Amino acid sequence: MAFLLSPSRLGRAAKPVLIALLLSAGTSMALAQDAADPCAALGKLLADRGKVVQNIQGFQKKKPTAAQACNAFTSLSKLSNAAIKATEQDGAWCHVPENVLPSLEGQQADISKARSQACGVAANEKKMQQRAGGGTAKQGPLGGTGDILGGPVKLPQGAL
């Protein structure tokens, strides 16, 4: 087979096509290997989780809004659940240290508690904003809503 594909047997036009074919086959094989590599996916998942943890640790310096905290803890909870599942499935194959899975599982209860508290506060804030925004009526010049028994308050005209 090598004799049939030797450079001396190929014409000048076929050489670039063969080179391009070989390069594209190598590239597609590398992409397929990366997509099917569970260790790379687990590593990316743990790295993403680490970034969210760093973001949450930054909350000590700069206080977040309740909505920001809710979003951060929700994201951390989802990433932790995915990391637990991936570590259970591929941890041994990827040589993940034995203490990682128990650590992730132990942190999950605290993460869920913090998420529920932050999201509860965010929901209460949203309700309060809706009440404040929806309950405002047009005030009259004397501070009231201007309606007495369904009619507007009329101020006397002229000198008092």
C-alpha atoms as a PDB file:
ATOM      1  CA  MET A   1       0.000   0.000   0.000  1.00  0.00           C
ATOM      2  CA  ALA A   2       2.854   2.383   0.812  1.00  0.00           C
ATOM      3  CA  PHE A   3       4.216   1.692  -2.663  1.00  0.00           C
ATOM      4  CA  LEU A   4       0.970   2.893  -4.238  1.00  0.00           C
ATOM      5  CA  LEU A   5       0.920   6.117  -2.190  1.00  0.00           C
ATOM      6  CA  SER A   6       4.591   6.968  -2.406  1.00  0.00           C
ATOM      7  CA  PRO A   7       5.315  10.590  -3.393  1.00  0.00           C
ATOM      8  CA  SER A   8       7.205   9.528  -6.490  1.00  0.00           C
ATOM      9  CA  ARG A   9       4.089   7.756  -7.865  1.00  0.00           C
ATOM     10  CA  LEU A  10       1.690  10.658  -7.186  1.00  0.00           C
ATOM     11  CA  GLY A  11       1.220  13.443  -9.627  1.00  0.00           C
ATOM     12  CA  ARG A  12       1.890  17.053  -8.684  1.00  0.00           C
ATOM     13  CA  ALA A  13      -1.828  17.841  -8.341  1.00  0.00           C
ATOM     14  CA  ALA A  14      -2.518  14.861  -6.074  1.00  0.00           C
ATOM     15  CA  LYS A  15       0.170  15.683  -3.489  1.00  0.00           C
ATOM     16  CA  PRO A  16      -1.585  18.732  -1.941  1.00  0.00           C
ATOM     17  CA  VAL A  17      -4.889  16.849  -1.862  1.00  0.00           C
ATOM     18  CA  LEU A  18      -3.280  13.912  -0.054  1.00  0.00           C
ATOM     19  CA  ILE A  19      -1.594  16.230   2.455  1.00  0.00           C
ATOM     20  CA  ALA A  20      -4.851  18.065   3.144  1.00  0.00           C
ATOM     21  CA  LEU A  21      -6.679  14.765   3.550  1.00  0.00           C
ATOM     22  CA  LEU A  22      -4.127  13.464   6.027  1.00  0.00           C
ATOM     23  CA  LEU A  23      -4.141  16.709   8.037  1.00  0.00           C
ATOM     24  CA  SER A  24      -7.930  16.865   8.214  1.00  0.00           C
ATOM     25  CA  ALA A  25      -8.141  13.222   9.286  1.00  0.00           C
ATOM     26  CA  GLY A  26      -5.673  13.863  12.102  1.00  0.00           C
ATOM     27  CA  THR A  27      -7.542  16.982  13.222  1.00  0.00           C
ATOM     28  CA  SER A  28     -10.937  15.292  13.228  1.00  0.00           C
ATOM     29  CA  MET A  29      -9.537  12.331  15.150  1.00  0.00           C
ATOM     30  CA  ALA A  30      -8.091  14.695  17.785  1.00  0.00           C
ATOM     31  CA  LEU A  31     -11.415  16.537  18.102  1.00  0.00           C
ATOM     32  CA  ALA A  32     -13.313  13.284  18.443  1.00  0.00           C
ATOM     33  CA  GLN A  33     -10.881  12.100  21.095  1.00  0.00           C
ATOM     34  CA  ASP A  34     -11.286  15.355  23.086  1.00  0.00           C
ATOM     35  CA  ALA A  35     -15.085  15.161  22.878  1.00  0.00           C
ATOM     36  CA  ALA A  36     -15.114  11.546  24.068  1.00  0.00           C
ATOM     37  CA  ASP A  37     -12.502  12.090  26.812  1.00  0.00           C
ATOM     38  CA  PRO A  38     -14.356  11.903  30.133  1.00  0.00           C
ATOM     39  CA  CYS A  39     -11.286  13.093  32.044  1.00  0.00           C
ATOM     40  CA  ALA A  40     -11.131  16.366  30.099  1.00  0.00           C
ATOM     41  CA  ALA A  41     -14.843  16.914  30.692  1.00  0.00           C
ATOM     42  CA  LEU A  42     -14.459  16.191  34.417  1.00  0.00           C
ATOM     43  CA  GLY A  43     -11.484  18.537  34.633  1.00  0.00           C
ATOM     44  CA  LYS A  44     -13.428  21.333  32.933  1.00  0.00           C
ATOM     45  CA  LEU A  45     -16.398  20.729  35.229  1.00  0.00           C
ATOM     46  CA  LEU A  46     -14.231  20.933  38.358  1.00  0.00           C
ATOM     47  CA  ALA A  47     -12.469  24.049  37.017  1.00  0.00           C
ATOM     48  CA  ASP A  48     -15.804  25.766  36.335  1.00  0.00           C
ATOM     49  CA  ARG A  49     -16.964  24.836  39.826  1.00  0.00           C
ATOM     50  CA  GLY A  50     -13.753  26.305  41.247  1.00  0.00           C
ATOM     51  CA  LYS A  51     -14.399  29.602  39.452  1.00  0.00           C
ATOM     52  CA  VAL A  52     -17.893  29.836  40.941  1.00  0.00           C
ATOM     53  CA  VAL A  53     -16.480  29.063  44.411  1.00  0.00           C
ATOM     54  CA  GLN A  54     -13.929  31.886  43.986  1.00  0.00           C
ATOM     55  CA  ASN A  55     -16.731  34.216  42.913  1.00  0.00           C
ATOM     56  CA  ILE A  56     -18.731  33.315  46.027  1.00  0.00           C
ATOM     57  CA  GLN A  57     -15.684  33.794  48.245  1.00  0.00           C
ATOM     58  CA  GLY A  58     -15.409  37.295  46.765  1.00  0.00           C
ATOM     59  CA  PHE A  59     -18.804  38.068  48.319  1.00  0.00           C
ATOM     60  CA  GLN A  60     -16.971  38.735  51.606  1.00  0.00           C
ATOM     61  CA  LYS A  61     -15.313  41.819  50.091  1.00  0.00           C
ATOM     62  CA  LYS A  62     -18.159  43.026  47.899  1.00  0.00           C
ATOM     63  CA  LYS A  63     -21.651  42.244  49.114  1.00  0.00           C
ATOM     64  CA  PRO A  64     -23.867  40.857  46.343  1.00  0.00           C
ATOM     65  CA  THR A  65     -27.543  41.475  45.847  1.00  0.00           C
ATOM     66  CA  ALA A  66     -29.828  38.640  46.864  1.00  0.00           C
ATOM     67  CA  ALA A  67     -30.482  37.847  43.192  1.00  0.00           C
ATOM     68  CA  GLN A  68     -26.738  37.633  42.461  1.00  0.00           C
ATOM     69  CA  ALA A  69     -26.199  35.347  45.444  1.00  0.00           C
ATOM     70  CA  CYS A  70     -29.138  33.183  44.380  1.00  0.00           C
ATOM     71  CA  ASN A  71     -27.737  32.854  40.849  1.00  0.00           C
ATOM     72  CA  ALA A  72     -24.247  32.030  42.133  1.00  0.00           C
ATOM     73  CA  PHE A  73     -25.408  29.362  44.590  1.00  0.00           C
ATOM     74  CA  THR A  74     -27.795  27.869  42.029  1.00  0.00           C
ATOM     75  CA  SER A  75     -24.930  27.608  39.540  1.00  0.00           C
ATOM     76  CA  LEU A  76     -22.661  26.086  42.191  1.00  0.00           C
ATOM     77  CA  SER A  77     -25.329  23.564  43.142  1.00  0.00           C
ATOM     78  CA  LYS A  78     -25.798  22.454  39.526  1.00  0.00           C
ATOM     79  CA  LEU A  79     -22.043  22.207  38.912  1.00  0.00           C
ATOM     80  CA  SER A  80     -21.540  20.276  42.155  1.00  0.00           C
ATOM     81  CA  ASN A  81     -24.262  17.778  41.277  1.00  0.00           C
ATOM     82  CA  ALA A  82     -22.741  17.291  37.826  1.00  0.00           C
ATOM     83  CA  ALA A  83     -19.250  16.937  39.342  1.00  0.00           C
ATOM     84  CA  ILE A  84     -20.493  14.329  41.829  1.00  0.00           C
ATOM     85  CA  LYS A  85     -22.126  12.339  39.048  1.00  0.00           C
ATOM     86  CA  ALA A  86     -19.067  12.573  36.777  1.00  0.00           C
ATOM     87  CA  THR A  87     -16.686  11.675  39.607  1.00  0.00           C
ATOM     88  CA  GLU A  88     -18.763   8.644  40.544  1.00  0.00           C
ATOM     89  CA  GLN A  89     -18.800   7.545  36.919  1.00  0.00           C
ATOM     90  CA  ASP A  90     -15.255   8.368  35.756  1.00  0.00           C
ATOM     91  CA  GLY A  91     -13.270   9.195  38.913  1.00  0.00           C
ATOM     92  CA  ALA A  92     -11.334   5.940  39.025  1.00  0.00           C
ATOM     93  CA  TRP A  93     -10.553   6.055  35.308  1.00  0.00           C
ATOM     94  CA  CYS A  94      -9.343   9.658  35.562  1.00  0.00           C
ATOM     95  CA  HIS A  95      -7.310   9.017  38.734  1.00  0.00           C
ATOM     96  CA  VAL A  96      -9.289  11.499  40.843  1.00  0.00           C
ATOM     97  CA  PRO A  97      -8.071  11.417  44.461  1.00  0.00           C
ATOM     98  CA  GLU A  98     -10.313   9.391  46.754  1.00  0.00           C
ATOM     99  CA  ASN A  99     -11.082  12.326  49.058  1.00  0.00           C
ATOM    100  CA  VAL A 100     -12.646  14.486  46.288  1.00  0.00           C
ATOM    101  CA  LEU A 101     -15.991  12.659  46.032  1.00  0.00           C
ATOM    102  CA  PRO A 102     -16.732  12.621  49.802  1.00  0.00           C
ATOM    103  CA  SER A 103     -15.747  16.283  49.953  1.00  0.00           C
ATOM    104  CA  LEU A 104     -18.120  17.208  47.125  1.00  0.00           C
ATOM    105  CA  GLU A 105     -20.941  15.204  48.677  1.00  0.00           C
ATOM    106  CA  GLY A 106     -20.340  16.757  52.093  1.00  0.00           C
ATOM    107  CA  GLN A 107     -20.413  20.296  50.712  1.00  0.00           C
ATOM    108  CA  GLN A 108     -23.634  19.733  48.779  1.00  0.00           C
ATOM    109  CA  ALA A 109     -25.878  20.039  51.857  1.00  0.00           C
ATOM    110  CA  ASP A 110     -24.327  23.394  52.804  1.00  0.00           C
ATOM    111  CA  ILE A 111     -24.588  24.620  49.216  1.00  0.00           C
ATOM    112  CA  SER A 112     -28.266  23.669  49.046  1.00  0.00           C
ATOM    113  CA  LYS A 113     -28.976  25.432  52.347  1.00  0.00           C
ATOM    114  CA  ALA A 114     -27.193  28.616  51.226  1.00  0.00           C
ATOM    115  CA  ARG A 115     -28.980  28.496  47.868  1.00  0.00           C
ATOM    116  CA  SER A 116     -32.403  28.162  49.474  1.00  0.00           C
ATOM    117  CA  GLN A 117     -31.692  31.048  51.864  1.00  0.00           C
ATOM    118  CA  ALA A 118     -30.335  33.355  49.133  1.00  0.00           C
ATOM    119  CA  CYS A 119     -33.160  32.536  46.741  1.00  0.00           C
ATOM    120  CA  GLY A 120     -35.726  32.993  49.531  1.00  0.00           C
ATOM    121  CA  VAL A 121     -34.399  36.482  50.258  1.00  0.00           C
ATOM    122  CA  ALA A 122     -34.345  37.278  46.534  1.00  0.00           C
ATOM    123  CA  ALA A 123     -37.964  36.145  46.178  1.00  0.00           C
ATOM    124  CA  ASN A 124     -39.003  38.285  49.152  1.00  0.00           C
ATOM    125  CA  GLU A 125     -37.201  41.301  47.693  1.00  0.00           C
ATOM    126  CA  LYS A 126     -38.967  40.791  44.392  1.00  0.00           C
ATOM    127  CA  LYS A 127     -42.358  40.595  46.127  1.00  0.00           C
ATOM    128  CA  MET A 128     -41.635  43.771  48.079  1.00  0.00           C
ATOM    129  CA  GLN A 129     -40.626  45.607  44.899  1.00  0.00           C
ATOM    130  CA  GLN A 130     -43.798  44.464  43.158  1.00  0.00           C
ATOM    131  CA  ARG A 131     -45.933  45.603  46.076  1.00  0.00           C
ATOM    132  CA  ALA A 132     -44.206  48.968  46.206  1.00  0.00           C
ATOM    133  CA  GLY A 133     -44.438  49.466  42.454  1.00  0.00           C
ATOM    134  CA  GLY A 134     -47.972  48.155  41.997  1.00  0.00           C
ATOM    135  CA  GLY A 135     -49.552  49.815  45.035  1.00  0.00           C
ATOM    136  CA  THR A 136     -48.671  53.424  44.304  1.00  0.00           C
ATOM    137  CA  ALA A 137     -51.619  55.604  43.536  1.00  0.00           C
ATOM    138  CA  LYS A 138     -51.540  59.113  42.175  1.00  0.00           C
ATOM    139  CA  GLN A 139     -51.298  61.469  45.106  1.00  0.00           C
ATOM    140  CA  GLY A 140     -53.088  64.729  45.276  1.00  0.00           C
ATOM    141  CA  PRO A 141     -51.672  68.079  46.427  1.00  0.00           C
ATOM    142  CA  LEU A 142     -52.552  67.375  50.070  1.00  0.00           C
ATOM    143  CA  GLY A 143     -50.787  63.999  50.138  1.00  0.00           C
ATOM    144  CA  GLY A 144     -53.847  61.790  49.775  1.00  0.00           C
ATOM    145  CA  THR A 145     -54.966  59.799  46.785  1.00  0.00           C
ATOM    146  CA  GLY A 146     -57.438  62.508  45.869  1.00  0.00           C
ATOM    147  CA  ASP A 147     -60.553  60.357  46.062  1.00  0.00           C
ATOM    148  CA  ILE A 148     -63.320  60.765  48.598  1.00  0.00           C
ATOM    149  CA  LEU A 149     -66.220  58.428  48.030  1.00  0.00           C
ATOM    150  CA  GLY A 150     -65.108  57.862  44.477  1.00  0.00           C
ATOM    151  CA  GLY A 151     -64.723  61.504  43.468  1.00  0.00           C
ATOM    152  CA  PRO A 152     -61.732  63.810  43.324  1.00  0.00           C
ATOM    153  CA  VAL A 153     -61.088  66.351  46.085  1.00  0.00           C
ATOM    154  CA  LYS A 154     -61.761  69.893  44.857  1.00  0.00           C
ATOM    155  CA  LEU A 155     -59.852  72.698  46.432  1.00  0.00           C
ATOM    156  CA  PRO A 156     -61.666  75.976  46.978  1.00  0.00           C
ATOM    157  CA  GLN A 157     -60.943  78.637  44.390  1.00  0.00           C
ATOM    158  CA  GLY A 158     -60.054  82.186  45.215  1.00  0.00           C
ATOM    159  CA  ALA A 159     -58.905  83.857  48.428  1.00  0.00           C
ATOM    160  CA  LEU A 160     -59.446  82.117  51.714  1.00  0.00           C
END
